Structure formats: structure tokens, C-alpha cells
Amino acid sequence: MSGWQPLPDELPAEVRHFVEQLRLLKDRTGLSLAALGARTAYSKSSWHRYLNATQPPPRQAVVALCRVAGTDPERIGVRWELAVQAWPRPAALPEKPEGADEYREDPTLPWWDTPPEGTEENEHRPGGRLLRYALLLLLFMALTVVVGAVALG
């Protein structure tokens, strides 16, 4: 793989193999990192981190790269799962101030890869509250229409 900086020696084999596959896909596109960033929802600096194994990419970034490269994302999906599980975690996390939210196991985990509803991690999501308000508003509007129709009828 010409033009790529060497990957760290201490990388687990699963991570090394996965990143090498990502690099091959990126090379297949013929795009620069900036152009790849423009064709996907991920910036040039994000792709730089993903392709140099300094940060694991979100699943959707891999899917986007596969789409741009004209490859089936299922082919690399299993490699992504193995790599993310084996990816080295930061050695030490900074101290959290009292009352701060819990540090998530995978700070790169985007909303589309969050655990399913009902898990402890998602109990207090603000999106659930918004949905309840929208449903209440819809119910109120339907009730208003019914009452108006009965009053006119």
C-alpha cells in the first residue's frame, strides 16, 4: 500500500487487517481524503484517523466508503465488528466532574449504532419525550376534529 504511513506495531491483528482493507477500498476509489469526505458524511480529518488506525470508524462510515468504492458493505461488516471489539481503548480517561454523564464505552458510536430502546443506556433520551409530545398533539387535533364534526352535524 504505497503512500500510507505504517500502522503501529502494537495493533491487534483484527484491527490491522480491517484498516488495510479500508485503505484498499479508499485506494480503489481514486479519491483524495478531501474528496472522500465530500462524497460521504465524514470529514477529511475523520477519514485520516480511521485510515491510520487512531480511531475506529462508525459502521455507517464503512458503509459509505463501500458505496463510494462500489463494494458490498456486508463483505467488510464482519471485519468491522471484530476490529471494533479488538480496538485498543484509551489508557486513561480524564477525571469527570461530579454529576457528569457516564463515559460511553465507544465514544465514536453514532446514533444509528446505539443500543435498542429499553436498554438502561437509553432510558432518559430526550427524543422519547419529543415523540410523546407529538403524539399528544396529534391526539388533541384528532379530538378537536371529532368534536367539531359532532357539533356541526
N, C-alpha and C. Protein backbone atom coordinates (compact mmCIF):
# COMPACT_ATOMS: atom_id res chain seq x y z
N MET A 1 0.84 -1.18 0.00
CA MET A 1 0.00 0.00 0.00
C MET A 1 0.88 1.24 0.00
N SER A 2 1.12 1.79 -1.14
CA SER A 2 2.01 2.94 -1.25
C SER A 2 1.33 4.20 -0.74
N GLY A 3 2.14 5.09 -0.17
CA GLY A 3 1.64 6.37 0.27
C GLY A 3 1.03 6.37 1.66
N TRP A 4 0.88 5.24 2.27
CA TRP A 4 0.28 5.17 3.60
C TRP A 4 1.38 5.13 4.64
N GLN A 5 1.15 5.80 5.76
CA GLN A 5 2.11 5.69 6.86
C GLN A 5 1.95 4.32 7.49
N PRO A 6 3.02 3.75 8.00
CA PRO A 6 2.93 2.41 8.61
C PRO A 6 2.00 2.42 9.81
N LEU A 7 1.29 1.32 9.98
CA LEU A 7 0.40 1.17 11.14
C LEU A 7 1.24 0.82 12.36
N PRO A 8 0.79 1.21 13.56
CA PRO A 8 1.55 0.89 14.78
C PRO A 8 1.73 -0.62 14.93
N ASP A 9 2.90 -1.03 15.39
CA ASP A 9 3.21 -2.45 15.57
C ASP A 9 2.31 -3.12 16.60
N GLU A 10 1.88 -2.36 17.60
CA GLU A 10 1.09 -2.95 18.69
C GLU A 10 -0.39 -3.14 18.36
N LEU A 11 -0.80 -2.81 17.15
CA LEU A 11 -2.21 -3.00 16.77
C LEU A 11 -2.58 -4.47 16.75
N PRO A 12 -3.74 -4.82 17.28
CA PRO A 12 -4.21 -6.21 17.17
C PRO A 12 -4.37 -6.60 15.69
N ALA A 13 -4.21 -7.86 15.40
CA ALA A 13 -4.28 -8.35 14.02
C ALA A 13 -5.61 -8.01 13.37
N GLU A 14 -6.72 -8.10 14.13
CA GLU A 14 -8.04 -7.80 13.56
C GLU A 14 -8.13 -6.35 13.12
N VAL A 15 -7.57 -5.45 13.91
CA VAL A 15 -7.60 -4.02 13.58
C VAL A 15 -6.71 -3.76 12.38
N ARG A 16 -5.52 -4.34 12.39
CA ARG A 16 -4.58 -4.15 11.27
C ARG A 16 -5.20 -4.62 9.96
N HIS A 17 -5.77 -5.80 9.96
CA HIS A 17 -6.37 -6.34 8.73
C HIS A 17 -7.53 -5.47 8.26
N PHE A 18 -8.38 -5.04 9.19
CA PHE A 18 -9.52 -4.20 8.84
C PHE A 18 -9.06 -2.88 8.23
N VAL A 19 -8.10 -2.21 8.86
CA VAL A 19 -7.62 -0.92 8.36
C VAL A 19 -6.96 -1.09 6.99
N GLU A 20 -6.24 -2.19 6.80
CA GLU A 20 -5.64 -2.45 5.49
C GLU A 20 -6.73 -2.60 4.43
N GLN A 21 -7.84 -3.26 4.78
CA GLN A 21 -8.96 -3.41 3.85
C GLN A 21 -9.60 -2.05 3.55
N LEU A 22 -9.74 -1.22 4.58
CA LEU A 22 -10.27 0.14 4.36
C LEU A 22 -9.37 0.93 3.42
N ARG A 23 -8.06 0.81 3.63
CA ARG A 23 -7.11 1.53 2.78
C ARG A 23 -7.23 1.06 1.32
N LEU A 24 -7.38 -0.24 1.13
CA LEU A 24 -7.55 -0.76 -0.24
C LEU A 24 -8.82 -0.21 -0.87
N LEU A 25 -9.91 -0.17 -0.10
CA LEU A 25 -11.16 0.40 -0.62
C LEU A 25 -10.99 1.87 -0.97
N LYS A 26 -10.35 2.61 -0.09
CA LYS A 26 -10.13 4.03 -0.35
C LYS A 26 -9.28 4.21 -1.60
N ASP A 27 -8.22 3.41 -1.74
CA ASP A 27 -7.37 3.49 -2.93
C ASP A 27 -8.15 3.15 -4.20
N ARG A 28 -9.07 2.19 -4.09
CA ARG A 28 -9.89 1.80 -5.24
C ARG A 28 -10.74 2.97 -5.75
N THR A 29 -11.16 3.84 -4.83
CA THR A 29 -11.99 4.98 -5.25
C THR A 29 -11.20 5.98 -6.07
N GLY A 30 -9.89 6.06 -5.83
CA GLY A 30 -9.07 7.04 -6.52
C GLY A 30 -9.27 8.45 -6.00
N LEU A 31 -9.98 8.58 -4.90
CA LEU A 31 -10.28 9.90 -4.33
C LEU A 31 -9.26 10.29 -3.28
N SER A 32 -9.06 11.59 -3.15
CA SER A 32 -8.26 12.10 -2.03
C SER A 32 -9.12 12.02 -0.77
N LEU A 33 -8.51 12.25 0.38
CA LEU A 33 -9.30 12.23 1.62
C LEU A 33 -10.34 13.35 1.62
N ALA A 34 -9.98 14.50 1.07
CA ALA A 34 -10.94 15.61 1.00
C ALA A 34 -12.11 15.25 0.09
N ALA A 35 -11.82 14.63 -1.05
CA ALA A 35 -12.89 14.24 -1.97
C ALA A 35 -13.74 13.12 -1.37
N LEU A 36 -13.10 12.20 -0.65
CA LEU A 36 -13.84 11.14 0.02
C LEU A 36 -14.76 11.74 1.08
N GLY A 37 -14.26 12.73 1.79
CA GLY A 37 -15.07 13.43 2.78
C GLY A 37 -16.27 14.11 2.14
N ALA A 38 -16.07 14.68 0.96
CA ALA A 38 -17.17 15.34 0.26
C ALA A 38 -18.21 14.34 -0.23
N ARG A 39 -17.80 13.13 -0.55
CA ARG A 39 -18.73 12.10 -1.05
C ARG A 39 -19.41 11.32 0.06
N THR A 40 -18.92 11.46 1.29
CA THR A 40 -19.51 10.76 2.43
C THR A 40 -19.86 11.82 3.48
N ALA A 41 -20.44 11.41 4.55
CA ALA A 41 -20.81 12.35 5.62
C ALA A 41 -19.69 12.52 6.65
N TYR A 42 -18.46 12.15 6.28
CA TYR A 42 -17.35 12.16 7.23
C TYR A 42 -16.23 13.04 6.69
N SER A 43 -15.64 13.84 7.56
CA SER A 43 -14.64 14.82 7.14
C SER A 43 -13.32 14.17 6.74
N LYS A 44 -12.50 14.99 6.10
CA LYS A 44 -11.15 14.55 5.71
C LYS A 44 -10.36 14.11 6.95
N SER A 45 -10.46 14.88 8.03
CA SER A 45 -9.71 14.53 9.25
C SER A 45 -10.24 13.24 9.88
N SER A 46 -11.55 13.01 9.79
CA SER A 46 -12.10 11.75 10.30
C SER A 46 -11.55 10.58 9.51
N TRP A 47 -11.56 10.68 8.18
CA TRP A 47 -11.02 9.59 7.35
C TRP A 47 -9.54 9.38 7.65
N HIS A 48 -8.82 10.46 7.91
CA HIS A 48 -7.40 10.33 8.25
C HIS A 48 -7.24 9.50 9.52
N ARG A 49 -8.07 9.77 10.53
CA ARG A 49 -7.99 9.00 11.78
C ARG A 49 -8.38 7.54 11.56
N TYR A 50 -9.43 7.31 10.78
CA TYR A 50 -9.89 5.93 10.54
C TYR A 50 -8.84 5.13 9.77
N LEU A 51 -8.26 5.74 8.74
CA LEU A 51 -7.34 5.02 7.86
C LEU A 51 -5.93 4.91 8.43
N ASN A 52 -5.67 5.59 9.53
CA ASN A 52 -4.38 5.46 10.21
C ASN A 52 -4.52 4.77 11.56
N ALA A 53 -5.70 4.20 11.81
CA ALA A 53 -5.98 3.38 13.00
C ALA A 53 -5.86 4.14 14.31
N THR A 54 -6.07 5.45 14.28
CA THR A 54 -6.05 6.19 15.54
C THR A 54 -7.44 6.24 16.17
N GLN A 55 -8.46 5.93 15.39
CA GLN A 55 -9.83 5.91 15.90
C GLN A 55 -10.65 4.92 15.07
N PRO A 56 -11.49 4.13 15.71
CA PRO A 56 -12.33 3.21 14.93
C PRO A 56 -13.43 3.98 14.20
N PRO A 57 -13.71 3.62 12.95
CA PRO A 57 -14.77 4.32 12.23
C PRO A 57 -16.15 3.82 12.65
N PRO A 58 -17.15 4.69 12.62
CA PRO A 58 -18.52 4.21 12.84
C PRO A 58 -18.91 3.28 11.70
N ARG A 59 -19.84 2.39 11.96
CA ARG A 59 -20.30 1.44 10.95
C ARG A 59 -20.77 2.17 9.68
N GLN A 60 -21.49 3.28 9.84
CA GLN A 60 -22.01 4.00 8.68
C GLN A 60 -20.90 4.61 7.82
N ALA A 61 -19.77 4.94 8.42
CA ALA A 61 -18.64 5.44 7.63
C ALA A 61 -18.11 4.34 6.72
N VAL A 62 -18.05 3.13 7.25
CA VAL A 62 -17.59 1.99 6.45
C VAL A 62 -18.58 1.71 5.33
N VAL A 63 -19.87 1.78 5.63
CA VAL A 63 -20.90 1.57 4.61
C VAL A 63 -20.79 2.64 3.53
N ALA A 64 -20.56 3.88 3.93
CA ALA A 64 -20.42 4.97 2.96
C ALA A 64 -19.20 4.75 2.06
N LEU A 65 -18.08 4.32 2.63
CA LEU A 65 -16.89 4.05 1.84
C LEU A 65 -17.15 2.91 0.86
N CYS A 66 -17.82 1.87 1.32
CA CYS A 66 -18.14 0.75 0.43
C CYS A 66 -19.01 1.21 -0.74
N ARG A 67 -20.00 2.05 -0.47
CA ARG A 67 -20.85 2.57 -1.53
C ARG A 67 -20.04 3.34 -2.57
N VAL A 68 -19.16 4.21 -2.09
CA VAL A 68 -18.33 5.01 -3.00
C VAL A 68 -17.39 4.11 -3.80
N ALA A 69 -16.89 3.04 -3.17
CA ALA A 69 -15.95 2.13 -3.83
C ALA A 69 -16.66 1.08 -4.69
N GLY A 70 -17.99 1.02 -4.61
CA GLY A 70 -18.74 0.05 -5.40
C GLY A 70 -18.61 -1.37 -4.87
N THR A 71 -18.51 -1.50 -3.55
CA THR A 71 -18.34 -2.81 -2.90
C THR A 71 -19.51 -3.08 -1.97
N ASP A 72 -19.85 -4.33 -1.82
CA ASP A 72 -20.92 -4.73 -0.90
C ASP A 72 -20.45 -4.52 0.53
N PRO A 73 -21.17 -3.71 1.32
CA PRO A 73 -20.75 -3.45 2.70
C PRO A 73 -20.79 -4.68 3.60
N GLU A 74 -21.58 -5.67 3.25
CA GLU A 74 -21.66 -6.89 4.07
C GLU A 74 -20.31 -7.60 4.11
N ARG A 75 -19.57 -7.47 3.03
CA ARG A 75 -18.28 -8.15 2.93
C ARG A 75 -17.30 -7.71 4.02
N ILE A 76 -17.36 -6.42 4.36
CA ILE A 76 -16.41 -5.90 5.35
C ILE A 76 -17.07 -5.73 6.72
N GLY A 77 -18.39 -5.92 6.81
CA GLY A 77 -19.11 -5.71 8.07
C GLY A 77 -18.62 -6.59 9.21
N VAL A 78 -18.34 -7.85 8.93
CA VAL A 78 -17.85 -8.75 9.98
C VAL A 78 -16.46 -8.31 10.43
N ARG A 79 -15.64 -7.90 9.49
CA ARG A 79 -14.30 -7.42 9.85
C ARG A 79 -14.40 -6.18 10.74
N TRP A 80 -15.38 -5.30 10.44
CA TRP A 80 -15.58 -4.10 11.26
C TRP A 80 -15.91 -4.51 12.70
N GLU A 81 -16.84 -5.46 12.85
CA GLU A 81 -17.23 -5.89 14.20
C GLU A 81 -16.04 -6.45 14.97
N LEU A 82 -15.25 -7.30 14.33
CA LEU A 82 -14.08 -7.88 15.01
C LEU A 82 -13.07 -6.79 15.37
N ALA A 83 -12.87 -5.85 14.45
CA ALA A 83 -11.89 -4.79 14.69
C ALA A 83 -12.33 -3.87 15.82
N VAL A 84 -13.59 -3.49 15.84
CA VAL A 84 -14.06 -2.59 16.89
C VAL A 84 -13.96 -3.24 18.26
N GLN A 85 -14.23 -4.55 18.33
CA GLN A 85 -14.10 -5.26 19.61
C GLN A 85 -12.65 -5.31 20.07
N ALA A 86 -11.73 -5.43 19.12
CA ALA A 86 -10.31 -5.56 19.47
C ALA A 86 -9.58 -4.22 19.53
N TRP A 87 -10.24 -3.13 19.11
CA TRP A 87 -9.58 -1.83 19.03
C TRP A 87 -9.06 -1.42 20.40
N PRO A 88 -7.80 -0.98 20.48
CA PRO A 88 -7.25 -0.56 21.77
C PRO A 88 -8.02 0.65 22.31
N ARG A 89 -8.37 0.59 23.57
CA ARG A 89 -9.07 1.69 24.24
C ARG A 89 -8.04 2.66 24.81
N PRO A 90 -8.44 3.92 25.02
CA PRO A 90 -7.50 4.87 25.63
C PRO A 90 -7.04 4.35 26.99
N ALA A 91 -5.77 4.57 27.31
CA ALA A 91 -5.20 4.05 28.55
C ALA A 91 -5.87 4.64 29.78
N ALA A 92 -6.05 5.93 29.80
CA ALA A 92 -6.65 6.57 30.97
C ALA A 92 -7.61 7.64 30.50
N LEU A 93 -8.74 7.71 31.16
CA LEU A 93 -9.72 8.73 30.86
C LEU A 93 -9.59 9.85 31.87
N PRO A 94 -9.83 11.09 31.45
CA PRO A 94 -9.73 12.20 32.40
C PRO A 94 -10.81 12.09 33.48
N GLU A 95 -10.52 12.67 34.64
CA GLU A 95 -11.49 12.67 35.74
C GLU A 95 -12.74 13.43 35.31
N LYS A 96 -13.89 12.88 35.70
CA LYS A 96 -15.16 13.53 35.38
C LYS A 96 -15.57 14.41 36.55
N PRO A 97 -16.11 15.58 36.24
CA PRO A 97 -16.65 16.39 37.33
C PRO A 97 -17.88 15.71 37.92
N GLU A 98 -18.19 16.01 39.15
CA GLU A 98 -19.35 15.43 39.83
C GLU A 98 -20.61 15.69 39.02
N GLY A 99 -21.39 14.63 38.78
CA GLY A 99 -22.66 14.77 38.07
C GLY A 99 -22.53 14.69 36.56
N ALA A 100 -21.33 14.47 36.04
CA ALA A 100 -21.16 14.38 34.59
C ALA A 100 -21.74 13.07 34.09
N ASP A 101 -22.15 13.07 32.82
CA ASP A 101 -22.68 11.85 32.22
C ASP A 101 -21.61 10.78 32.20
N GLU A 102 -22.05 9.53 32.23
CA GLU A 102 -21.13 8.41 32.16
C GLU A 102 -20.39 8.42 30.83
N TYR A 103 -19.12 8.07 30.85
CA TYR A 103 -18.35 7.92 29.63
C TYR A 103 -18.86 6.71 28.88
N ARG A 104 -19.15 6.88 27.61
CA ARG A 104 -19.64 5.77 26.81
C ARG A 104 -18.48 4.85 26.45
N GLU A 105 -18.76 3.57 26.38
CA GLU A 105 -17.74 2.58 26.06
C GLU A 105 -17.07 2.89 24.73
N ASP A 106 -17.82 3.32 23.75
CA ASP A 106 -17.27 3.63 22.43
C ASP A 106 -17.66 5.07 22.08
N PRO A 107 -16.75 6.04 22.29
CA PRO A 107 -17.10 7.43 22.04
C PRO A 107 -17.38 7.73 20.58
N THR A 108 -17.05 6.83 19.66
CA THR A 108 -17.32 7.09 18.25
C THR A 108 -18.65 6.52 17.81
N LEU A 109 -19.41 5.95 18.73
CA LEU A 109 -20.66 5.30 18.40
C LEU A 109 -21.71 6.33 18.01
N PRO A 110 -22.14 6.35 16.76
CA PRO A 110 -23.14 7.33 16.33
C PRO A 110 -24.54 6.88 16.73
N TRP A 111 -25.51 7.75 16.52
CA TRP A 111 -26.87 7.46 16.96
C TRP A 111 -27.44 6.21 16.32
N TRP A 112 -27.02 5.88 15.07
CA TRP A 112 -27.61 4.72 14.40
C TRP A 112 -27.06 3.40 14.93
N ASP A 113 -26.01 3.44 15.72
CA ASP A 113 -25.45 2.22 16.30
C ASP A 113 -25.70 2.14 17.80
N THR A 114 -26.58 3.00 18.35
CA THR A 114 -26.84 2.95 19.77
C THR A 114 -27.65 1.71 20.11
N PRO A 115 -27.57 1.26 21.36
CA PRO A 115 -28.33 0.06 21.75
C PRO A 115 -29.83 0.27 21.55
N PRO A 116 -30.59 -0.81 21.38
CA PRO A 116 -32.02 -0.69 21.15
C PRO A 116 -32.75 -0.05 22.32
N GLU A 117 -33.96 0.46 22.01
CA GLU A 117 -34.81 1.07 23.03
C GLU A 117 -35.01 0.12 24.20
N GLY A 118 -35.18 0.70 25.37
CA GLY A 118 -35.46 -0.13 26.54
C GLY A 118 -34.21 -0.51 27.32
N THR A 119 -33.05 -0.28 26.74
CA THR A 119 -31.83 -0.59 27.49
C THR A 119 -31.57 0.53 28.48
N GLU A 120 -30.85 0.24 29.51
CA GLU A 120 -30.61 1.21 30.57
C GLU A 120 -29.98 2.48 30.02
N GLU A 121 -29.12 2.34 29.04
CA GLU A 121 -28.40 3.47 28.48
C GLU A 121 -29.34 4.47 27.82
N ASN A 122 -30.48 4.03 27.30
CA ASN A 122 -31.38 4.90 26.55
C ASN A 122 -32.63 5.31 27.32
N GLU A 123 -32.68 5.07 28.62
CA GLU A 123 -33.90 5.35 29.38
C GLU A 123 -34.27 6.82 29.38
N HIS A 124 -33.30 7.70 29.37
CA HIS A 124 -33.58 9.13 29.54
C HIS A 124 -33.27 9.93 28.28
N ARG A 125 -33.51 9.36 27.14
CA ARG A 125 -33.24 10.06 25.88
C ARG A 125 -34.28 11.14 25.66
N PRO A 126 -33.85 12.37 25.27
CA PRO A 126 -34.81 13.44 25.03
C PRO A 126 -35.70 13.18 23.82
N GLY A 127 -35.27 12.37 22.86
CA GLY A 127 -36.08 12.08 21.68
C GLY A 127 -37.38 11.39 22.04
N GLY A 128 -37.40 10.58 23.09
CA GLY A 128 -38.61 9.90 23.52
C GLY A 128 -39.65 10.90 24.01
N ARG A 129 -39.21 11.93 24.70
CA ARG A 129 -40.11 12.96 25.19
C ARG A 129 -40.73 13.72 24.03
N LEU A 130 -39.95 14.05 23.04
CA LEU A 130 -40.46 14.76 21.86
C LEU A 130 -41.51 13.92 21.14
N LEU A 131 -41.29 12.64 21.03
CA LEU A 131 -42.26 11.76 20.39
C LEU A 131 -43.57 11.73 21.18
N ARG A 132 -43.48 11.68 22.50
CA ARG A 132 -44.70 11.70 23.32
C ARG A 132 -45.48 12.99 23.11
N TYR A 133 -44.79 14.13 23.07
CA TYR A 133 -45.47 15.41 22.84
C TYR A 133 -46.13 15.44 21.47
N ALA A 134 -45.45 14.92 20.47
CA ALA A 134 -46.02 14.89 19.12
C ALA A 134 -47.27 14.03 19.08
N LEU A 135 -47.25 12.88 19.76
CA LEU A 135 -48.42 12.00 19.80
C LEU A 135 -49.57 12.65 20.55
N LEU A 136 -49.28 13.34 21.65
CA LEU A 136 -50.32 14.05 22.39
C LEU A 136 -50.94 15.15 21.53
N LEU A 137 -50.13 15.89 20.80
CA LEU A 137 -50.63 16.93 19.91
C LEU A 137 -51.52 16.34 18.82
N LEU A 138 -51.09 15.23 18.25
CA LEU A 138 -51.87 14.55 17.22
C LEU A 138 -53.22 14.08 17.78
N LEU A 139 -53.20 13.53 18.98
CA LEU A 139 -54.43 13.08 19.62
C LEU A 139 -55.36 14.27 19.89
N PHE A 140 -54.82 15.38 20.36
CA PHE A 140 -55.61 16.58 20.62
C PHE A 140 -56.24 17.10 19.33
N MET A 141 -55.48 17.11 18.23
CA MET A 141 -56.01 17.58 16.94
C MET A 141 -57.12 16.66 16.45
N ALA A 142 -56.95 15.35 16.59
CA ALA A 142 -57.98 14.40 16.16
C ALA A 142 -59.24 14.59 16.99
N LEU A 143 -59.08 14.79 18.29
CA LEU A 143 -60.22 15.01 19.16
C LEU A 143 -60.95 16.29 18.79
N THR A 144 -60.22 17.34 18.46
CA THR A 144 -60.81 18.61 18.04
C THR A 144 -61.62 18.43 16.77
N VAL A 145 -61.11 17.67 15.81
CA VAL A 145 -61.83 17.41 14.56
C VAL A 145 -63.12 16.64 14.84
N VAL A 146 -63.06 15.63 15.69
CA VAL A 146 -64.25 14.84 16.01
C VAL A 146 -65.29 15.70 16.71
N VAL A 147 -64.89 16.48 17.69
CA VAL A 147 -65.82 17.34 18.41
C VAL A 147 -66.42 18.37 17.47
N GLY A 148 -65.61 18.94 16.58
CA GLY A 148 -66.13 19.91 15.60
C GLY A 148 -67.14 19.28 14.65
N ALA A 149 -66.86 18.05 14.21
CA ALA A 149 -67.78 17.36 13.30
C ALA A 149 -69.08 17.04 14.00
N VAL A 150 -69.04 16.64 15.25
CA VAL A 150 -70.27 16.34 16.00
C VAL A 150 -71.07 17.63 16.23
N ALA A 151 -70.41 18.73 16.55
CA ALA A 151 -71.09 19.99 16.80
C ALA A 151 -71.77 20.53 15.53
N LEU A 152 -71.17 20.31 14.38
CA LEU A 152 -71.75 20.78 13.12
C LEU A 152 -72.84 19.84 12.60
N GLY A 153 -72.75 18.58 12.99
CA GLY A 153 -73.63 17.55 12.44
C GLY A 153 -74.95 17.50 13.08
